[in-house]
Protein backbone atom coordinates (compact mmCIF):
# COMPACT_ATOMS: atom_id res chain seq x y z
CA UNK A 1 0.00 0.00 0.00
CA UNK A 2 1.23 3.48 -0.88
CA UNK A 3 2.21 5.74 1.99
CA UNK A 4 0.27 9.02 2.20
CA UNK A 5 2.09 12.17 3.33
CA UNK A 6 0.65 14.84 5.58
CA UNK A 7 0.11 17.32 2.73
CA UNK A 8 -1.83 14.78 0.68
CA UNK A 9 -3.91 13.85 3.71
CA UNK A 10 -4.62 17.54 4.42
CA UNK A 11 -5.56 18.12 0.74
CA UNK A 12 -7.96 15.17 0.77
CA UNK A 13 -9.57 16.39 3.98
CA UNK A 14 -9.91 19.94 2.65
CA UNK A 15 -11.51 18.73 -0.60
CA UNK A 16 -13.94 16.55 1.37
CA UNK A 17 -14.85 19.56 3.50
CA UNK A 18 -15.34 21.63 0.32
CA UNK A 19 -17.90 19.10 -0.96
CA UNK A 20 -19.76 19.24 2.36
CA UNK A 21 -19.70 23.07 2.32
CA UNK A 22 -21.22 23.09 -1.17
CA UNK A 23 -24.07 20.84 -0.03
CA UNK A 24 -24.67 22.95 3.07
CA UNK A 25 -24.57 26.19 1.04
CA UNK A 26 -27.23 24.91 -1.37
CA UNK A 27 -29.48 23.46 1.35
CA UNK A 28 -29.37 26.72 3.31
CA UNK A 29 -29.48 28.91 0.17
CA UNK A 30 -26.47 30.71 1.62
CA UNK A 31 -25.17 31.90 -1.75
CA UNK A 32 -22.73 34.43 -0.27
CA UNK A 33 -20.48 31.44 0.52
CA UNK A 34 -20.00 30.51 -3.17
CA UNK A 35 -16.63 32.29 -3.50
CA UNK A 36 -15.23 30.03 -0.79
CA UNK A 37 -16.17 26.99 -2.88
CA UNK A 38 -15.65 27.97 -6.52
CA UNK A 39 -12.70 29.54 -8.37
CA UNK A 40 -13.57 32.83 -10.07
CA UNK A 41 -13.49 31.22 -13.54
CA UNK A 42 -15.51 28.16 -12.49
CA UNK A 43 -18.32 26.63 -14.52
CA UNK A 44 -21.16 24.30 -13.59
CA UNK A 45 -22.94 21.97 -16.00
CA UNK A 46 -26.41 20.95 -14.79
CA UNK A 47 -27.50 19.77 -18.28
CA UNK A 48 -27.06 16.04 -17.48
CA UNK A 49 -29.67 16.55 -14.73
CA UNK A 50 -32.12 18.62 -16.79
CA UNK A 51 -30.68 22.08 -16.14
CA UNK A 52 -28.33 24.54 -17.76
CA UNK A 53 -24.57 25.11 -18.05
CA UNK A 54 -22.42 28.21 -17.67
CA UNK A 55 -20.40 30.37 -15.26
CA UNK A 56 -20.90 29.29 -11.66
CA UNK A 57 -22.56 32.53 -10.48
CA UNK A 58 -25.21 32.32 -13.21
CA UNK A 59 -25.76 28.62 -12.56
CA UNK A 60 -26.17 29.10 -8.82
CA UNK A 61 -28.67 31.91 -9.51
CA UNK A 62 -30.52 29.46 -11.77
CA UNK A 63 -30.33 26.77 -9.06
CA UNK A 64 -31.80 29.21 -6.55
CA UNK A 65 -34.78 29.76 -8.90
CA UNK A 66 -35.09 26.01 -9.56
CA UNK A 67 -35.18 25.27 -5.82
CA UNK A 68 -37.52 28.15 -4.99
CA UNK A 69 -40.61 25.91 -4.89
CA UNK A 70 -38.67 23.16 -3.03
CA UNK A 71 -37.90 24.80 0.35
CA UNK A 72 -36.64 21.62 2.00
CA UNK A 73 -33.45 19.98 0.71
CA UNK A 74 -30.99 17.67 2.37
CA UNK A 75 -27.85 17.04 0.29
CA UNK A 76 -25.81 14.00 1.25
CA UNK A 77 -22.35 13.53 -0.28
CA UNK A 78 -20.71 10.09 -0.28
CA UNK A 79 -18.13 7.91 -2.03
CA UNK A 80 -15.66 10.75 -2.57
CA UNK A 81 -12.69 9.82 -4.75
CA UNK A 82 -9.90 12.39 -5.15
CA UNK A 83 -7.05 12.18 -7.66
CA UNK A 84 -4.39 14.74 -6.74
CA UNK A 85 -1.92 16.13 -9.28
CA UNK A 86 0.09 18.81 -7.47
CA UNK A 87 -2.04 21.95 -7.29
CA UNK A 88 -4.81 20.40 -9.36
CA UNK A 89 -7.21 17.58 -8.61
CA UNK A 90 -10.08 15.62 -10.05
CA UNK A 91 -12.82 14.45 -7.74
CA UNK A 92 -16.04 12.55 -8.05
CA UNK A 93 -18.64 11.78 -5.45
CA UNK A 94 -22.21 10.64 -5.17
CA UNK A 95 -25.02 12.95 -4.14
CA UNK A 96 -28.42 12.01 -2.73
CA UNK A 97 -30.85 14.92 -2.36
CA UNK A 98 -34.38 14.53 -1.04
CA UNK A 99 -36.34 17.69 -1.87
CA UNK A 100 -39.66 18.56 -0.31
CA UNK A 101 -42.52 20.99 -0.45
CA UNK A 102 -45.87 21.28 1.26
CA UNK A 103 -48.78 19.37 -0.20
CA UNK A 104 -52.43 19.22 0.76
CA UNK A 105 -53.59 18.84 4.35
CA UNK A 106 -50.16 19.02 6.00
CA UNK A 107 -48.58 16.32 3.84
CA UNK A 108 -45.25 16.80 2.14
CA UNK A 109 -44.52 16.18 -1.54
CA UNK A 110 -41.00 14.82 -2.09
CA UNK A 111 -38.73 14.01 -5.01
CA UNK A 112 -35.25 12.58 -4.48
CA UNK A 113 -32.37 13.17 -6.89
CA UNK A 114 -29.26 10.97 -6.83
CA UNK A 115 -26.19 10.96 -8.99
CA UNK A 116 -22.58 12.11 -9.27
CA UNK A 117 -20.66 15.35 -9.09
CA UNK A 118 -17.62 15.27 -11.40
CA UNK A 119 -15.21 18.04 -10.44
CA UNK A 120 -11.93 19.60 -11.45
CA UNK A 121 -10.29 21.56 -8.65
CA UNK A 122 -7.38 23.93 -8.24
CA UNK A 123 -5.38 24.96 -5.20
CA UNK A 124 -5.54 28.75 -4.73
CA UNK A 125 -3.92 31.04 -2.17
CA UNK A 126 -7.17 30.65 -0.20
CA UNK A 127 -7.37 26.86 -0.46
CA UNK A 128 -8.93 24.35 -2.84
CA UNK A 129 -11.68 25.57 -5.15
CA UNK A 130 -13.88 23.86 -7.73
CA UNK A 131 -13.06 25.11 -11.23
CA UNK A 132 -15.47 22.84 -13.13
CA UNK A 133 -18.46 20.81 -11.91
CA UNK A 134 -20.68 18.47 -13.90
CA UNK A 135 -23.82 17.27 -12.15
CA UNK A 136 -24.99 13.89 -13.46
CA UNK A 137 -28.38 12.77 -12.22
CA UNK A 138 -28.57 8.98 -12.29
CA UNK A 139 -31.78 8.25 -10.36
CA UNK A 140 -34.87 10.29 -9.58
CA UNK A 141 -37.31 8.83 -7.08
CA UNK A 142 -40.78 10.24 -7.41
CA UNK A 143 -42.37 12.34 -10.11
CA UNK A 144 -42.44 16.09 -10.40
CA UNK A 145 -45.87 17.56 -9.63
CA UNK A 146 -48.30 17.85 -12.53
CA UNK A 147 -47.71 21.13 -14.36
CA UNK A 148 -44.31 21.74 -12.75
CA UNK A 149 -41.35 22.42 -15.03
CA UNK A 150 -37.72 23.14 -14.24
CA UNK A 151 -37.09 26.88 -14.70
CA UNK A 152 -34.94 27.88 -17.66
């Protein structure tokens, strides 16, 4: 088995924390935290999950609109694999996101999205940042409500 140095261990831990911070940012709609997660030139591609692609700020604004009618989200990130190459890295992880909204008579309507985040990262003076993210939805449990469409 290959020996892991302290810097590599610290990098892996920081990248894992970055993934968790992204999930927490989205669930809380705390968009002011995005610069601590993404590099300034970063892009996000939500097309494989039915969305749009472009610069990260525009895509997070789109995500905010898309989640507007789904006030309850709970991102879970698992199976993180990180491939380090100096000050650059590739990472992939699974996501599992139950989303909920109120339905009739106190019930809750839920749809769960599961898939993979495929990321390229770069080490900056402020730490690791995502420079490119592709969101691949693999499974959707439940159907979107009748008449609902993903905002463009």
